[in-house]
C-alpha atoms as a PDB file:
ATOM      1  CA  UNK A   1      -9.305 -22.306  17.070  1.00  0.00           C
ATOM      2  CA  UNK A   2      -8.476 -26.237  16.808  1.00  0.00           C
ATOM      3  CA  UNK A   3      -7.340 -28.475  20.103  1.00  0.00           C
ATOM      4  CA  UNK A   4      -3.915 -27.332  19.745  1.00  0.00           C
ATOM      5  CA  UNK A   5      -3.995 -23.889  20.493  1.00  0.00           C
ATOM      6  CA  UNK A   6      -3.867 -22.673  17.506  1.00  0.00           C
ATOM      7  CA  UNK A   7      -5.406 -19.660  15.199  1.00  0.00           C
ATOM      8  CA  UNK A   8      -6.162 -20.328  12.055  1.00  0.00           C
ATOM      9  CA  UNK A   9      -7.571 -17.802   9.186  1.00  0.00           C
ATOM     10  CA  UNK A  10      -7.140 -16.775   5.357  1.00  0.00           C
ATOM     11  CA  UNK A  11      -5.837 -13.611   4.967  1.00  0.00           C
ATOM     12  CA  UNK A  12      -5.952 -12.044   1.264  1.00  0.00           C
ATOM     13  CA  UNK A  13      -2.315 -10.395   0.581  1.00  0.00           C
ATOM     14  CA  UNK A  14      -1.484  -8.345  -2.730  1.00  0.00           C
ATOM     15  CA  UNK A  15      -4.791 -10.401  -4.325  1.00  0.00           C
ATOM     16  CA  UNK A  16      -2.915 -14.061  -3.152  1.00  0.00           C
ATOM     17  CA  UNK A  17      -5.274 -15.948  -0.180  1.00  0.00           C
ATOM     18  CA  UNK A  18      -2.880 -17.203   2.569  1.00  0.00           C
ATOM     19  CA  UNK A  19      -3.657 -19.784   4.891  1.00  0.00           C
ATOM     20  CA  UNK A  20      -2.245 -18.528   8.285  1.00  0.00           C
ATOM     21  CA  UNK A  21      -1.457 -20.346  11.514  1.00  0.00           C
ATOM     22  CA  UNK A  22      -0.004 -19.894  14.937  1.00  0.00           C
ATOM     23  CA  UNK A  23      -0.494 -19.068  18.875  1.00  0.00           C
ATOM     24  CA  UNK A  24      -1.228 -15.168  18.092  1.00  0.00           C
ATOM     25  CA  UNK A  25      -4.936 -13.997  18.520  1.00  0.00           C
ATOM     26  CA  UNK A  26      -7.064 -13.576  14.988  1.00  0.00           C
ATOM     27  CA  UNK A  27      -6.931  -9.479  15.201  1.00  0.00           C
ATOM     28  CA  UNK A  28      -3.020  -9.803  15.915  1.00  0.00           C
ATOM     29  CA  UNK A  29      -2.922 -11.439  12.546  1.00  0.00           C
ATOM     30  CA  UNK A  30      -5.272 -10.128  10.710  1.00  0.00           C
ATOM     31  CA  UNK A  31      -3.684  -6.788  11.809  1.00  0.00           C
ATOM     32  CA  UNK A  32       0.235  -7.900  10.478  1.00  0.00           C
ATOM     33  CA  UNK A  33      -0.945  -9.401   7.513  1.00  0.00           C
ATOM     34  CA  UNK A  34      -2.986  -5.711   6.492  1.00  0.00           C
ATOM     35  CA  UNK A  35       0.247  -4.443   7.180  1.00  0.00           C
ATOM     36  CA  UNK A  36       2.415  -6.515   4.922  1.00  0.00           C
ATOM     37  CA  UNK A  37      -0.470  -5.892   2.231  1.00  0.00           C
ATOM     38  CA  UNK A  38      -0.359  -1.762   2.639  1.00  0.00           C
ATOM     39  CA  UNK A  39       3.291  -2.686   2.367  1.00  0.00           C
ATOM     40  CA  UNK A  40       2.760  -3.964  -0.765  1.00  0.00           C
ATOM     41  CA  UNK A  41       0.838  -1.794  -2.033  1.00  0.00           C
ATOM     42  CA  UNK A  42       2.100   1.298  -1.399  1.00  0.00           C
ATOM     43  CA  UNK A  43       5.219  -0.030  -3.210  1.00  0.00           C
ATOM     44  CA  UNK A  44       3.356  -1.666  -5.955  1.00  0.00           C
ATOM     45  CA  UNK A  45       2.176   2.337  -6.596  1.00  0.00           C
ATOM     46  CA  UNK A  46       5.097   3.687  -6.364  1.00  0.00           C
ATOM     47  CA  UNK A  47       6.955   1.222  -8.427  1.00  0.00           C
ATOM     48  CA  UNK A  48       4.139  -0.224 -11.203  1.00  0.00           C
ATOM     49  CA  UNK A  49       6.620  -2.078 -13.359  1.00  0.00           C
ATOM     50  CA  UNK A  50       8.100  -3.976 -10.549  1.00  0.00           C
ATOM     51  CA  UNK A  51       6.770  -7.540 -10.639  1.00  0.00           C
ATOM     52  CA  UNK A  52       4.841  -9.907  -7.593  1.00  0.00           C
ATOM     53  CA  UNK A  53       8.267 -11.066  -6.038  1.00  0.00           C
ATOM     54  CA  UNK A  54      10.366  -7.797  -5.927  1.00  0.00           C
ATOM     55  CA  UNK A  55       7.472  -6.120  -4.760  1.00  0.00           C
ATOM     56  CA  UNK A  56       7.472  -8.730  -2.286  1.00  0.00           C
ATOM     57  CA  UNK A  57      11.244  -8.190  -1.133  1.00  0.00           C
ATOM     58  CA  UNK A  58      11.223  -4.614  -1.117  1.00  0.00           C
ATOM     59  CA  UNK A  59       8.825  -4.080   1.422  1.00  0.00           C
ATOM     60  CA  UNK A  60      10.394  -6.790   4.086  1.00  0.00           C
ATOM     61  CA  UNK A  61      13.479  -4.729   3.334  1.00  0.00           C
ATOM     62  CA  UNK A  62      10.975  -1.655   4.685  1.00  0.00           C
ATOM     63  CA  UNK A  63       9.384  -3.547   7.571  1.00  0.00           C
ATOM     64  CA  UNK A  64      13.075  -5.376   8.106  1.00  0.00           C
ATOM     65  CA  UNK A  65      13.814  -1.169   8.509  1.00  0.00           C
ATOM     66  CA  UNK A  66      11.029  -0.143  10.226  1.00  0.00           C
ATOM     67  CA  UNK A  67      11.348  -3.170  12.819  1.00  0.00           C
ATOM     68  CA  UNK A  68      15.175  -2.065  13.446  1.00  0.00           C
ATOM     69  CA  UNK A  69      14.704   1.454  13.800  1.00  0.00           C
ATOM     70  CA  UNK A  70      12.367   0.574  16.705  1.00  0.00           C
ATOM     71  CA  UNK A  71      14.254  -1.288  18.409  1.00  0.00           C
ATOM     72  CA  UNK A  72      17.299   0.995  18.262  1.00  0.00           C
ATOM     73  CA  UNK A  73      14.634   3.743  19.564  1.00  0.00           C
ATOM     74  CA  UNK A  74      13.434   0.982  22.346  1.00  0.00           C
ATOM     75  CA  UNK A  75      16.959   0.156  23.251  1.00  0.00           C
ATOM     76  CA  UNK A  76      18.410   3.709  23.713  1.00  0.00           C
ATOM     77  CA  UNK A  77      14.782   4.395  25.677  1.00  0.00           C
ATOM     78  CA  UNK A  78      15.851   1.315  28.150  1.00  0.00           C
ATOM     79  CA  UNK A  79      19.298   2.840  28.416  1.00  0.00           C
ATOM     80  CA  UNK A  80      18.257   6.175  29.383  1.00  0.00           C
ATOM     81  CA  UNK A  81      15.733   5.001  31.822  1.00  0.00           C
ATOM     82  CA  UNK A  82      17.994   2.532  33.619  1.00  0.00           C
ATOM     83  CA  UNK A  83      20.498   6.191  33.850  1.00  0.00           C
ATOM     84  CA  UNK A  84      17.568   7.574  35.548  1.00  0.00           C
ATOM     85  CA  UNK A  85      16.732   4.590  37.858  1.00  0.00           C
ATOM     86  CA  UNK A  86      20.603   5.007  39.346  1.00  0.00           C
ATOM     87  CA  UNK A  87      20.115   8.416  39.929  1.00  0.00           C
END
């Protein structure tokens, strides 16, 4: 960790090295990079003719879809909890 409070590490995503910098823990940044790598690898295995840029975009779309679905479920759970709290 540097004096600016940011963690820095190098990760490999889909065969390329990337230098990450952020306030999140090193383990969190590794987990995120691993998720992106796993998603890209999965998409590449099912679509061997796609180039890296298309694999990256499809991975981003899939991860965004996961995020929005989870956010919707979270909001629905919050609504249920608020309704239960009201009586």
